[in-house]
């Protein structure tokens, strides 16, 4: 089975208190978009540009 989770958004994890849970699960934090007031957000555009199928909920 292919890996379903590639990374978690660093900014979203920080906002929802899930940073330690990401680390505990071994999921790397992604912060490819610099957004003021956040530690960085995941870039969905980068995944789409590289041919990934993404699910955002």
N, C-alpha and C. Protein backbone atom coordinates (compact mmCIF):
# COMPACT_ATOMS: atom_id res chain seq x y z
N UNK A 1 0.85 -1.18 0.00
CA UNK A 1 0.00 0.00 0.00
C UNK A 1 0.89 1.24 0.00
N UNK A 2 0.60 2.22 -0.85
CA UNK A 2 1.41 3.44 -0.87
C UNK A 2 1.20 4.25 0.41
N UNK A 3 2.23 5.01 0.73
CA UNK A 3 2.15 5.86 1.92
C UNK A 3 1.06 6.91 1.72
N UNK A 4 0.10 6.97 2.64
CA UNK A 4 -1.02 7.88 2.51
C UNK A 4 -0.71 9.27 3.04
N UNK A 5 0.15 9.36 4.05
CA UNK A 5 0.47 10.65 4.65
C UNK A 5 1.93 10.96 4.39
N UNK A 6 2.17 12.02 3.66
CA UNK A 6 3.54 12.43 3.33
C UNK A 6 4.08 13.38 4.39
N UNK A 7 3.25 14.30 4.87
CA UNK A 7 3.68 15.29 5.87
C UNK A 7 2.45 15.97 6.45
N UNK A 8 2.66 16.68 7.54
CA UNK A 8 1.60 17.46 8.17
C UNK A 8 1.99 18.93 8.16
N UNK A 9 1.03 19.79 7.97
CA UNK A 9 1.28 21.22 7.95
C UNK A 9 1.74 21.70 9.33
N UNK A 10 2.91 22.29 9.38
CA UNK A 10 3.48 22.77 10.63
C UNK A 10 2.56 23.81 11.28
N UNK A 11 2.06 24.75 10.48
CA UNK A 11 1.18 25.79 11.00
C UNK A 11 -0.13 25.24 11.52
N UNK A 12 -0.72 24.30 10.80
CA UNK A 12 -1.99 23.71 11.25
C UNK A 12 -1.78 22.90 12.53
N UNK A 13 -0.69 22.15 12.59
CA UNK A 13 -0.40 21.38 13.79
C UNK A 13 -0.24 22.30 14.99
N UNK A 14 0.45 23.43 14.80
CA UNK A 14 0.64 24.39 15.89
C UNK A 14 -0.70 25.00 16.32
N UNK A 15 -1.53 25.36 15.35
CA UNK A 15 -2.82 26.00 15.65
C UNK A 15 -3.77 25.07 16.40
N UNK A 16 -3.70 23.77 16.10
CA UNK A 16 -4.62 22.83 16.71
C UNK A 16 -3.99 21.98 17.81
N UNK A 17 -2.77 22.34 18.22
CA UNK A 17 -2.11 21.64 19.32
C UNK A 17 -1.69 20.22 18.99
N UNK A 18 -1.35 19.95 17.75
CA UNK A 18 -1.02 18.59 17.34
C UNK A 18 0.45 18.39 17.00
N UNK A 19 1.29 19.36 17.30
CA UNK A 19 2.72 19.25 16.95
C UNK A 19 3.36 18.02 17.57
N UNK A 20 3.13 17.79 18.85
CA UNK A 20 3.73 16.63 19.52
C UNK A 20 3.17 15.32 18.98
N UNK A 21 1.91 15.32 18.59
CA UNK A 21 1.30 14.11 18.03
C UNK A 21 1.93 13.76 16.68
N UNK A 22 2.19 14.78 15.86
CA UNK A 22 2.87 14.53 14.58
C UNK A 22 4.23 13.88 14.83
N UNK A 23 4.97 14.46 15.77
CA UNK A 23 6.30 13.93 16.09
C UNK A 23 6.19 12.49 16.61
N UNK A 24 5.23 12.23 17.49
CA UNK A 24 5.06 10.90 18.06
C UNK A 24 4.73 9.85 16.99
N UNK A 25 4.04 10.27 15.95
CA UNK A 25 3.68 9.35 14.86
C UNK A 25 4.76 9.26 13.79
N UNK A 26 5.80 10.07 13.92
CA UNK A 26 6.87 10.06 12.93
C UNK A 26 6.51 10.76 11.63
N UNK A 27 5.50 11.63 11.67
CA UNK A 27 5.09 12.36 10.47
C UNK A 27 5.89 13.66 10.40
N UNK A 28 6.62 13.87 9.31
CA UNK A 28 7.41 15.10 9.20
C UNK A 28 6.52 16.33 9.06
N UNK A 29 7.00 17.45 9.59
CA UNK A 29 6.28 18.71 9.46
C UNK A 29 6.68 19.38 8.15
N UNK A 30 5.69 19.89 7.43
CA UNK A 30 5.95 20.61 6.18
C UNK A 30 5.66 22.09 6.41
N UNK A 31 6.56 22.92 5.96
CA UNK A 31 6.37 24.37 6.11
C UNK A 31 6.96 25.10 4.91
N UNK A 32 6.50 24.70 3.73
CA UNK A 32 7.03 25.26 2.49
C UNK A 32 6.46 26.63 2.13
N UNK A 33 5.39 27.05 2.79
CA UNK A 33 4.83 28.39 2.57
C UNK A 33 5.07 29.24 3.81
N UNK A 34 5.84 30.29 3.66
CA UNK A 34 6.06 31.21 4.78
C UNK A 34 4.84 32.12 4.89
N UNK A 35 4.16 32.07 6.02
CA UNK A 35 2.99 32.90 6.27
C UNK A 35 3.21 33.61 7.60
N UNK A 36 3.12 34.93 7.58
CA UNK A 36 3.37 35.71 8.79
C UNK A 36 2.50 35.23 9.94
N UNK A 37 3.09 35.14 11.12
CA UNK A 37 2.35 34.73 12.31
C UNK A 37 2.21 33.23 12.47
N UNK A 38 2.80 32.44 11.56
CA UNK A 38 2.75 30.99 11.66
C UNK A 38 4.17 30.43 11.54
N UNK A 39 4.37 29.19 11.95
CA UNK A 39 5.69 28.57 11.74
C UNK A 39 5.87 28.08 10.30
N UNK A 40 4.88 28.31 9.45
CA UNK A 40 4.94 27.88 8.05
C UNK A 40 3.82 26.90 7.75
N UNK A 41 3.34 26.92 6.52
CA UNK A 41 2.24 26.05 6.11
C UNK A 41 2.66 25.15 4.96
N UNK A 42 1.98 24.06 4.83
CA UNK A 42 2.20 23.12 3.74
C UNK A 42 1.71 23.73 2.43
N UNK A 43 2.42 23.51 1.34
CA UNK A 43 2.00 24.01 0.03
C UNK A 43 1.30 22.90 -0.75
N UNK A 44 -0.02 22.97 -0.82
CA UNK A 44 -0.77 22.00 -1.60
C UNK A 44 -0.43 22.16 -3.08
N UNK A 45 -0.18 23.38 -3.51
CA UNK A 45 0.17 23.64 -4.90
C UNK A 45 1.40 22.85 -5.33
N UNK A 46 2.41 22.75 -4.47
CA UNK A 46 3.61 21.98 -4.81
C UNK A 46 3.28 20.52 -5.08
N UNK A 47 2.40 19.95 -4.26
CA UNK A 47 2.02 18.55 -4.48
C UNK A 47 1.25 18.38 -5.79
N UNK A 48 0.31 19.28 -6.05
CA UNK A 48 -0.47 19.19 -7.30
C UNK A 48 0.44 19.35 -8.51
N UNK A 49 1.39 20.28 -8.44
CA UNK A 49 2.33 20.51 -9.56
C UNK A 49 3.20 19.29 -9.82
N UNK A 50 3.41 18.46 -8.80
CA UNK A 50 4.22 17.26 -8.96
C UNK A 50 3.41 16.01 -9.22
N UNK A 51 2.12 16.18 -9.56
CA UNK A 51 1.30 15.06 -9.97
C UNK A 51 0.63 14.27 -8.86
N UNK A 52 0.69 14.76 -7.63
CA UNK A 52 0.04 14.07 -6.52
C UNK A 52 -1.47 14.28 -6.59
N UNK A 53 -2.21 13.29 -6.14
CA UNK A 53 -3.64 13.46 -5.90
C UNK A 53 -3.78 13.84 -4.44
N UNK A 54 -4.43 14.93 -4.18
CA UNK A 54 -4.51 15.41 -2.80
C UNK A 54 -5.94 15.43 -2.31
N UNK A 55 -6.08 15.25 -1.00
CA UNK A 55 -7.37 15.32 -0.34
C UNK A 55 -7.23 16.35 0.76
N UNK A 56 -8.01 17.40 0.69
CA UNK A 56 -7.96 18.45 1.70
C UNK A 56 -9.32 18.46 2.38
N UNK A 57 -9.31 18.39 3.67
CA UNK A 57 -10.59 18.41 4.40
C UNK A 57 -10.49 19.31 5.59
